């Protein structure tokens, strides 16, 4: 029965299709992931002249097929990689990582050329040889460091360090009057190619510094270095200080502009909020006004109701139709002397009895 694979054990674990950790690719020869535990080395790699080799045992090179299949633990495949390693950077580390992972059981020896040899055959270096030795010593992939390494590898050097394969990029390296200093290594079947890391090299780093020389000179002046230490003239020093002040003023102006933009943006946002609130309040006010003073508003109903109450209060009350009428008793008649007619009645009586004229006839006259 087949053991369960890691994908079955962790079905929800995502697989990366792009570059590996730290931008590494499949060409870097990265081993598969293993359980997390400390692989850190507590000591730097030793120098070759500090290690005693047992020369009593015969030196028999392993073939490429044997190295690929794997060798016993007590017989690792000894791989050699050399270089200048000036301004040690990630491109150097990746090349050494690839050399370390060429075979299952690899012992990596790294040769670093001296200042004298490098200055004569390649050019001036930024770091001296001691600094370059120390940088390579502290690379985690290195097992041994060879100081004052030769520019061209001789059979005596290969036999002395019992080297099985030489690792380097496959681009022909023309130097010291040769089209390719690794040509004889390739013909002997001892060459193991690695891949260069594009976009990073010692020359690229130096080019960046030279291109932005004024920027880095001003940077170091700010950090306390003197013009003499930087090999800067008096005029350039004053120029850099003036540029620094101008840049500070520009930065302040830029900060003020940004703050003013933020302030204007906040004012615009608040003004929009105020306008929206004002519109809401105005709508509410107009609605309340129309509800109170409109054609069918509450005020009209209140006036109607008040008018009705006033009319009811000032109008006389009518007697019920079923109540008996009370006739007013006639006023006592007054007889004028020597007249048979009654005296004229009061205006009120005249208004009530407009069409009737009453005469008071005595009994003697009637007879």
Protein backbone atom coordinates (compact mmCIF):
# COMPACT_ATOMS: atom_id res chain seq x y z
CA UNK A 1 0.00 0.00 0.00
CA UNK A 2 1.40 3.44 -0.99
CA UNK A 3 2.04 5.93 1.78
CA UNK A 4 -0.28 8.94 1.69
CA UNK A 5 1.19 11.92 -0.08
CA UNK A 6 1.55 15.35 1.47
CA UNK A 7 -1.28 16.66 -0.72
CA UNK A 8 -3.62 14.12 0.84
CA UNK A 9 -2.48 14.92 4.34
CA UNK A 10 -2.93 18.66 3.80
CA UNK A 11 -5.66 19.02 1.17
CA UNK A 12 -6.14 22.72 1.86
CA UNK A 13 -2.48 23.64 1.55
CA UNK A 14 -1.83 25.77 -1.53
CA UNK A 15 0.95 24.90 -3.94
CA UNK A 16 3.14 27.63 -5.34
CA UNK A 17 3.42 27.67 -9.11
CA UNK A 18 5.67 30.74 -9.29
CA UNK A 19 9.18 31.26 -8.01
CA UNK A 20 10.30 29.60 -4.82
CA UNK A 21 11.35 31.19 -1.55
CA UNK A 22 13.25 34.47 -1.86
CA UNK A 23 12.60 34.52 -5.61
CA UNK A 24 14.43 31.26 -6.30
CA UNK A 25 13.50 29.24 -9.39
CA UNK A 26 13.60 25.57 -10.30
CA UNK A 27 16.99 26.07 -11.91
CA UNK A 28 18.48 26.89 -8.51
CA UNK A 29 18.12 23.25 -7.48
CA UNK A 30 16.21 23.90 -4.28
CA UNK A 31 15.44 20.71 -2.33
CA UNK A 32 11.83 19.96 -1.38
CA UNK A 33 10.38 21.42 1.80
CA UNK A 34 11.06 19.55 5.02
CA UNK A 35 9.91 19.94 8.59
CA UNK A 36 10.96 23.15 10.30
CA UNK A 37 13.95 22.90 12.61
CA UNK A 38 17.19 24.83 13.05
CA UNK A 39 19.85 24.33 10.37
CA UNK A 40 21.81 27.42 11.33
CA UNK A 41 25.55 27.04 11.74
CA UNK A 42 27.12 28.41 14.88
CA UNK A 43 30.61 28.85 13.38
CA UNK A 44 31.87 30.23 10.06
CA UNK A 45 33.35 27.91 7.47
CA UNK A 46 37.02 27.05 8.15
CA UNK A 47 39.92 27.91 5.87
CA UNK A 48 41.54 25.11 3.89
CA UNK A 49 44.95 25.69 5.49
CA UNK A 50 43.37 25.05 8.89
CA UNK A 51 42.09 21.57 7.92
CA UNK A 52 44.23 18.46 7.89
CA UNK A 53 43.46 16.06 5.05
CA UNK A 54 44.21 12.37 5.22
CA UNK A 55 46.44 11.92 2.19
CA UNK A 56 47.07 8.26 3.04
CA UNK A 57 43.83 7.33 1.32
CA UNK A 58 43.95 7.30 -2.46
CA UNK A 59 42.14 10.05 -4.34
CA UNK A 60 39.64 8.57 -6.76
CA UNK A 61 37.28 10.98 -8.50
CA UNK A 62 33.63 10.06 -8.64
CA UNK A 63 31.79 10.17 -11.94
CA UNK A 64 28.81 12.39 -12.60
CA UNK A 65 26.46 9.37 -12.53
CA UNK A 66 27.82 8.20 -9.18
CA UNK A 67 27.55 11.69 -7.72
CA UNK A 68 23.96 12.03 -8.96
CA UNK A 69 22.93 8.66 -7.48
CA UNK A 70 24.47 9.63 -4.14
CA UNK A 71 27.66 8.77 -2.35
CA UNK A 72 28.30 7.42 1.16
CA UNK A 73 28.23 9.94 3.99
CA UNK A 74 31.95 9.55 4.61
CA UNK A 75 32.66 10.26 0.92
CA UNK A 76 30.85 13.44 -0.12
CA UNK A 77 31.21 14.87 -3.60
CA UNK A 78 33.79 17.66 -3.35
CA UNK A 79 32.64 20.59 -5.48
CA UNK A 80 34.80 23.67 -6.00
CA UNK A 81 33.57 27.19 -6.87
CA UNK A 82 35.82 30.22 -7.12
CA UNK A 83 35.39 33.95 -7.59
CA UNK A 84 36.25 37.46 -6.40
CA UNK A 85 33.09 37.91 -4.29
CA UNK A 86 33.51 41.69 -4.01
CA UNK A 87 30.53 43.37 -2.32
CA UNK A 88 29.10 39.92 -1.54
CA UNK A 89 25.44 39.98 -2.63
CA UNK A 90 22.51 37.67 -3.28
CA UNK A 91 23.81 36.70 -6.74
CA UNK A 92 26.92 35.21 -5.12
CA UNK A 93 24.83 33.42 -2.50
CA UNK A 94 22.51 31.92 -5.13
CA UNK A 95 25.44 30.63 -7.17
CA UNK A 96 26.90 28.94 -4.08
CA UNK A 97 23.48 27.54 -3.18
CA UNK A 98 23.20 25.94 -6.61
CA UNK A 99 26.69 24.47 -6.28
CA UNK A 100 25.80 23.07 -2.86
CA UNK A 101 22.68 21.41 -4.23
CA UNK A 102 24.21 19.86 -7.35
CA UNK A 103 24.34 16.42 -5.72
CA UNK A 104 22.66 14.76 -2.73
CA UNK A 105 25.90 14.64 -0.71
CA UNK A 106 28.02 17.70 -1.50
CA UNK A 107 31.01 19.25 0.23
CA UNK A 108 31.42 22.78 -1.12
CA UNK A 109 34.87 24.37 -1.32
CA UNK A 110 35.02 28.04 -2.30
CA UNK A 111 38.17 29.73 -3.54
CA UNK A 112 38.63 33.50 -3.14
CA UNK A 113 41.35 35.30 -5.12
CA UNK A 114 43.71 37.71 -3.38
CA UNK A 115 43.86 41.48 -3.90
CA UNK A 116 47.15 41.36 -5.82
CA UNK A 117 45.91 38.78 -8.32
CA UNK A 118 42.52 40.45 -8.74
CA UNK A 119 43.91 43.96 -9.22
CA UNK A 120 46.34 42.72 -11.86
CA UNK A 121 43.92 40.58 -13.87
CA UNK A 122 40.48 42.12 -13.30
CA UNK A 123 40.54 45.48 -11.58
CA UNK A 124 40.32 47.32 -8.32
CA UNK A 125 37.96 45.98 -5.66
CA UNK A 126 35.86 47.82 -3.11
CA UNK A 127 36.48 45.30 -0.33
CA UNK A 128 39.94 44.05 0.52
CA UNK A 129 40.77 40.36 0.55
CA UNK A 130 40.25 39.93 4.30
CA UNK A 131 36.75 41.36 4.06
CA UNK A 132 35.96 39.15 1.08
CA UNK A 133 37.27 36.04 2.85
CA UNK A 134 35.14 36.85 5.88
CA UNK A 135 32.01 37.44 3.77
CA UNK A 136 32.31 34.04 2.07
CA UNK A 137 33.07 32.32 5.37
CA UNK A 138 29.71 33.38 6.74
CA UNK A 139 27.67 32.06 3.81
CA UNK A 140 25.59 29.12 5.03
CA UNK A 141 26.27 26.95 1.96
CA UNK A 142 30.08 27.03 2.25
CA UNK A 143 31.95 24.17 3.94
CA UNK A 144 35.52 25.35 3.32
CA UNK A 145 37.26 28.50 2.07
CA UNK A 146 40.50 28.58 0.06
CA UNK A 147 42.41 31.83 0.49
CA UNK A 148 44.60 33.20 -2.33
CA UNK A 149 42.92 30.92 -4.86
CA UNK A 150 44.58 30.58 -8.30
CA UNK A 151 43.15 32.34 -11.35
CA UNK A 152 43.50 29.24 -13.53
CA UNK A 153 42.94 25.82 -12.00
CA UNK A 154 45.87 23.45 -12.43
CA UNK A 155 45.82 19.63 -12.09
CA UNK A 156 48.07 19.98 -9.03
CA UNK A 157 45.58 22.28 -7.33
CA UNK A 158 42.67 19.95 -8.13
CA UNK A 159 44.58 16.96 -6.75
CA UNK A 160 45.71 18.84 -3.64
CA UNK A 161 42.13 19.69 -2.64
CA UNK A 162 40.74 16.44 -4.04
CA UNK A 163 38.15 18.21 -6.16
CA UNK A 164 35.59 16.17 -8.07
CA UNK A 165 33.73 18.92 -9.93
CA UNK A 166 34.08 22.67 -10.58
CA UNK A 167 30.88 24.76 -10.46
CA UNK A 168 30.50 28.00 -12.42
CA UNK A 169 28.08 29.57 -14.88
CA UNK A 170 28.35 28.24 -18.41
CA UNK A 171 29.24 31.60 -20.02
CA UNK A 172 32.84 31.54 -21.31
CA UNK A 173 35.05 33.51 -18.93
CA UNK A 174 37.79 35.19 -20.98
CA UNK A 175 40.75 36.36 -18.94
CA UNK A 176 44.53 36.02 -18.61
CA UNK A 177 45.00 35.63 -22.36
CA UNK A 178 42.48 32.78 -22.61
CA UNK A 179 39.07 32.73 -24.26
CA UNK A 180 37.72 30.55 -21.46
CA UNK A 181 39.67 29.79 -18.28
CA UNK A 182 37.40 26.76 -17.65
CA UNK A 183 37.90 25.23 -21.07
CA UNK A 184 40.21 22.46 -19.87
CA UNK A 185 37.85 21.70 -16.95
CA UNK A 186 34.96 21.27 -19.37
CA UNK A 187 37.03 19.00 -21.61
CA UNK A 188 37.94 16.85 -18.61
CA UNK A 189 34.23 16.33 -17.73
CA UNK A 190 34.62 18.06 -14.35
CA UNK A 191 32.49 21.11 -15.09
CA UNK A 192 29.07 21.50 -13.38
CA UNK A 193 27.18 24.55 -14.74
CA UNK A 194 25.14 26.93 -12.58
CA UNK A 195 22.86 29.83 -13.52
CA UNK A 196 23.62 33.52 -13.06
CA UNK A 197 21.14 35.74 -11.23
CA UNK A 198 19.99 38.46 -13.59
CA UNK A 199 19.82 42.06 -12.40
CA UNK A 200 22.39 41.81 -9.62
CA UNK A 201 26.16 41.88 -9.79
CA UNK A 202 29.09 43.74 -8.26
CA UNK A 203 29.44 45.88 -11.39
CA UNK A 204 25.73 46.80 -11.24
CA UNK A 205 26.03 47.91 -7.62
CA UNK A 206 29.09 50.05 -8.36
CA UNK A 207 27.28 51.54 -11.36
CA UNK A 208 24.38 52.60 -9.15
CA UNK A 209 26.75 54.32 -6.73
CA UNK A 210 28.69 56.10 -9.48
CA UNK A 211 25.49 57.17 -11.24
CA UNK A 212 24.05 58.70 -8.04
CA UNK A 213 27.38 59.86 -6.65
CA UNK A 214 26.06 63.24 -5.44
CA UNK A 215 23.19 61.59 -3.59
CA UNK A 216 25.45 59.20 -1.70
CA UNK A 217 28.06 61.91 -1.02
CA UNK A 218 25.36 64.11 0.55
CA UNK A 219 24.05 61.10 2.45
CA UNK A 220 27.42 60.40 4.05
CA UNK A 221 28.02 64.07 4.81
CA UNK A 222 24.74 64.07 6.72
CA UNK A 223 25.86 61.00 8.65
CA UNK A 224 28.97 62.69 9.98
CA UNK A 225 31.66 61.86 7.42
CA UNK A 226 34.02 64.70 6.61
CA UNK A 227 34.67 66.05 3.15
CA UNK A 228 38.25 64.86 3.45
CA UNK A 229 37.14 61.28 4.14
CA UNK A 230 34.85 61.40 1.13
CA UNK A 231 37.50 63.07 -1.05
CA UNK A 232 35.09 65.96 -1.69
CA UNK A 233 36.41 69.45 -2.44
CA UNK A 234 35.48 72.51 -0.39
CA UNK A 235 33.26 73.90 -3.16
CA UNK A 236 31.41 70.61 -3.62
CA UNK A 237 30.92 70.33 0.13
CA UNK A 238 29.24 73.75 0.24
CA UNK A 239 27.23 72.85 -2.84
CA UNK A 240 25.98 69.65 -1.20
CA UNK A 241 25.03 71.52 1.98
CA UNK A 242 23.13 74.11 -0.09
CA UNK A 243 21.36 71.37 -2.02
CA UNK A 244 20.42 69.73 1.24
CA UNK A 245 18.86 72.96 2.52
CA UNK A 246 17.00 73.47 -0.76
CA UNK A 247 15.69 69.92 -0.57
CA UNK A 248 14.49 70.52 2.98
CA UNK A 249 12.63 73.66 1.87
CA UNK A 250 11.10 71.75 -1.04
CA UNK A 251 10.04 69.00 1.31
CA UNK A 252 8.41 71.50 3.65
CA UNK A 253 6.59 73.16 0.76
CA UNK A 254 5.44 69.76 -0.44
CA UNK A 255 4.23 68.86 3.04
CA UNK A 256 2.32 72.16 3.25
CA UNK A 257 0.75 71.50 -0.15
CA UNK A 258 -0.29 68.03 0.88
CA UNK A 259 -1.73 69.31 4.16
CA UNK A 260 -3.57 72.12 2.35
CA UNK A 261 -5.00 69.61 -0.11
CA UNK A 262 -6.15 67.46 2.78
CA UNK A 263 -7.68 70.53 4.47
CA UNK A 264 -9.50 71.60 1.29
CA UNK A 265 -10.75 68.06 0.82
CA UNK A 266 -12.05 67.97 4.39
CA UNK A 267 -13.74 71.38 3.93
CA UNK A 268 -15.38 70.16 0.73
CA UNK A 269 -16.62 67.04 2.44
CA UNK A 270 -17.98 69.04 5.38
CA UNK A 271 -19.58 71.62 3.07
CA UNK A 272 -21.31 68.83 1.16
CA UNK A 273 -22.55 67.39 4.46
CA UNK A 274 -23.79 70.83 5.57
CA UNK A 275 -25.58 71.41 2.26
CA UNK A 276 -27.25 68.03 2.51
CA UNK A 277 -28.32 68.70 6.10
CA UNK A 278 -29.57 72.18 5.11
CA UNK A 279 -31.62 70.71 2.27
CA UNK A 280 -33.13 68.15 4.62
CA UNK A 281 -33.97 70.83 7.21
CA UNK A 282 -35.38 73.17 4.55
CA UNK A 283 -37.61 70.43 3.19
CA UNK A 284 -38.78 69.67 6.71
CA UNK A 285 -39.44 73.39 7.40
CA UNK A 286 -41.37 73.88 4.15
CA UNK A 287 -43.44 70.79 4.85
CA UNK A 288 -44.27 72.01 8.35
CA UNK A 289 -45.12 75.48 6.99
CA UNK A 290 -47.47 74.10 4.36
CA UNK A 291 -49.03 71.80 6.91
CA UNK A 292 -49.77 74.80 9.12
CA UNK A 293 -50.50 77.64 6.65
CA UNK A 294 -51.44 75.81 3.45
CA UNK A 295 -54.91 75.80 1.78
CA UNK A 296 -55.94 72.81 3.84
CA UNK A 297 -53.66 73.58 6.74
CA UNK A 298 -54.37 73.43 10.42
CA UNK A 299 -54.64 77.24 10.70
CA UNK A 300 -57.61 77.37 8.33
CA UNK A 301 -59.43 74.73 10.32
CA UNK A 302 -58.67 76.61 13.53
CA UNK A 303 -60.04 79.88 12.06
CA UNK A 304 -63.15 78.16 10.82
CA UNK A 305 -63.71 76.58 14.18
CA UNK A 306 -63.13 79.90 16.00
CA UNK A 307 -65.46 81.79 13.67
CA UNK A 308 -68.20 79.27 14.27
CA UNK A 309 -67.78 79.56 18.01
CA UNK A 310 -67.89 83.38 17.85
CA UNK A 311 -71.06 83.37 15.73
CA UNK A 312 -72.66 80.92 18.10
CA UNK A 313 -71.71 83.09 21.06
CA UNK A 314 -73.10 86.39 19.67
CA UNK A 315 -76.30 85.06 18.01
CA UNK A 316 -79.56 84.98 20.23
CA UNK A 317 -80.98 81.71 21.23
CA UNK A 318 -84.20 80.74 19.47
CA UNK A 319 -87.11 79.50 21.62
CA UNK A 320 -88.34 76.05 20.88
CA UNK A 321 -91.33 75.81 18.53
CA UNK A 322 -93.37 73.72 20.94
CA UNK A 323 -93.35 76.26 23.80
CA UNK A 324 -96.60 78.34 24.22
CA UNK A 325 -96.54 81.91 22.99
CA UNK A 326 -96.84 84.64 25.60
CA UNK A 327 -98.82 87.54 24.26
CA UNK A 328 -98.07 90.89 25.70
CA UNK A 329 -100.98 92.43 27.54
CA UNK A 330 -102.20 95.62 25.94
CA UNK A 331 -101.29 98.80 27.68
CA UNK A 332 -104.19 100.53 29.46
CA UNK A 333 -106.11 102.80 27.15
CA UNK A 334 -106.12 106.51 27.69
CA UNK A 335 -109.02 108.46 26.52
CA UNK A 336 -108.43 111.89 25.18
CA UNK A 337 -110.94 114.35 26.29
CA UNK A 338 -113.59 115.06 23.71
CA UNK A 339 -112.14 112.50 21.41
CA UNK A 340 -113.29 109.12 20.48
CA UNK A 341 -109.85 107.94 19.30
CA UNK A 342 -107.18 106.48 21.48
CA UNK A 343 -103.92 108.26 21.70
CA UNK A 344 -101.19 107.08 19.42
CA UNK A 345 -99.22 104.18 20.69
CA UNK A 346 -95.51 104.05 21.24
CA UNK A 347 -93.21 103.42 18.28
CA UNK A 348 -92.70 99.92 19.44
CA UNK A 349 -96.39 99.34 19.44
CA UNK A 350 -96.62 100.93 16.04
CA UNK A 351 -94.05 98.56 14.65
CA UNK A 352 -95.89 95.62 16.05
CA UNK A 353 -99.31 96.80 14.94
CA UNK A 354 -98.60 98.57 11.72
CA UNK A 355 -101.82 97.69 9.91
CA UNK A 356 -104.28 97.86 12.78
CA UNK A 357 -105.78 100.90 14.45
CA UNK A 358 -107.52 100.37 17.76
CA UNK A 359 -110.30 102.49 18.99
CA UNK A 360 -111.61 102.43 22.51
CA UNK A 361 -115.42 102.75 22.35
CA UNK A 362 -117.32 103.22 25.52
CA UNK A 363 -120.55 101.57 26.31
CA UNK A 364 -122.54 104.88 26.09
CA UNK A 365 -121.36 105.51 22.58
CA UNK A 366 -122.13 101.96 21.60
CA UNK A 367 -125.67 102.38 22.79
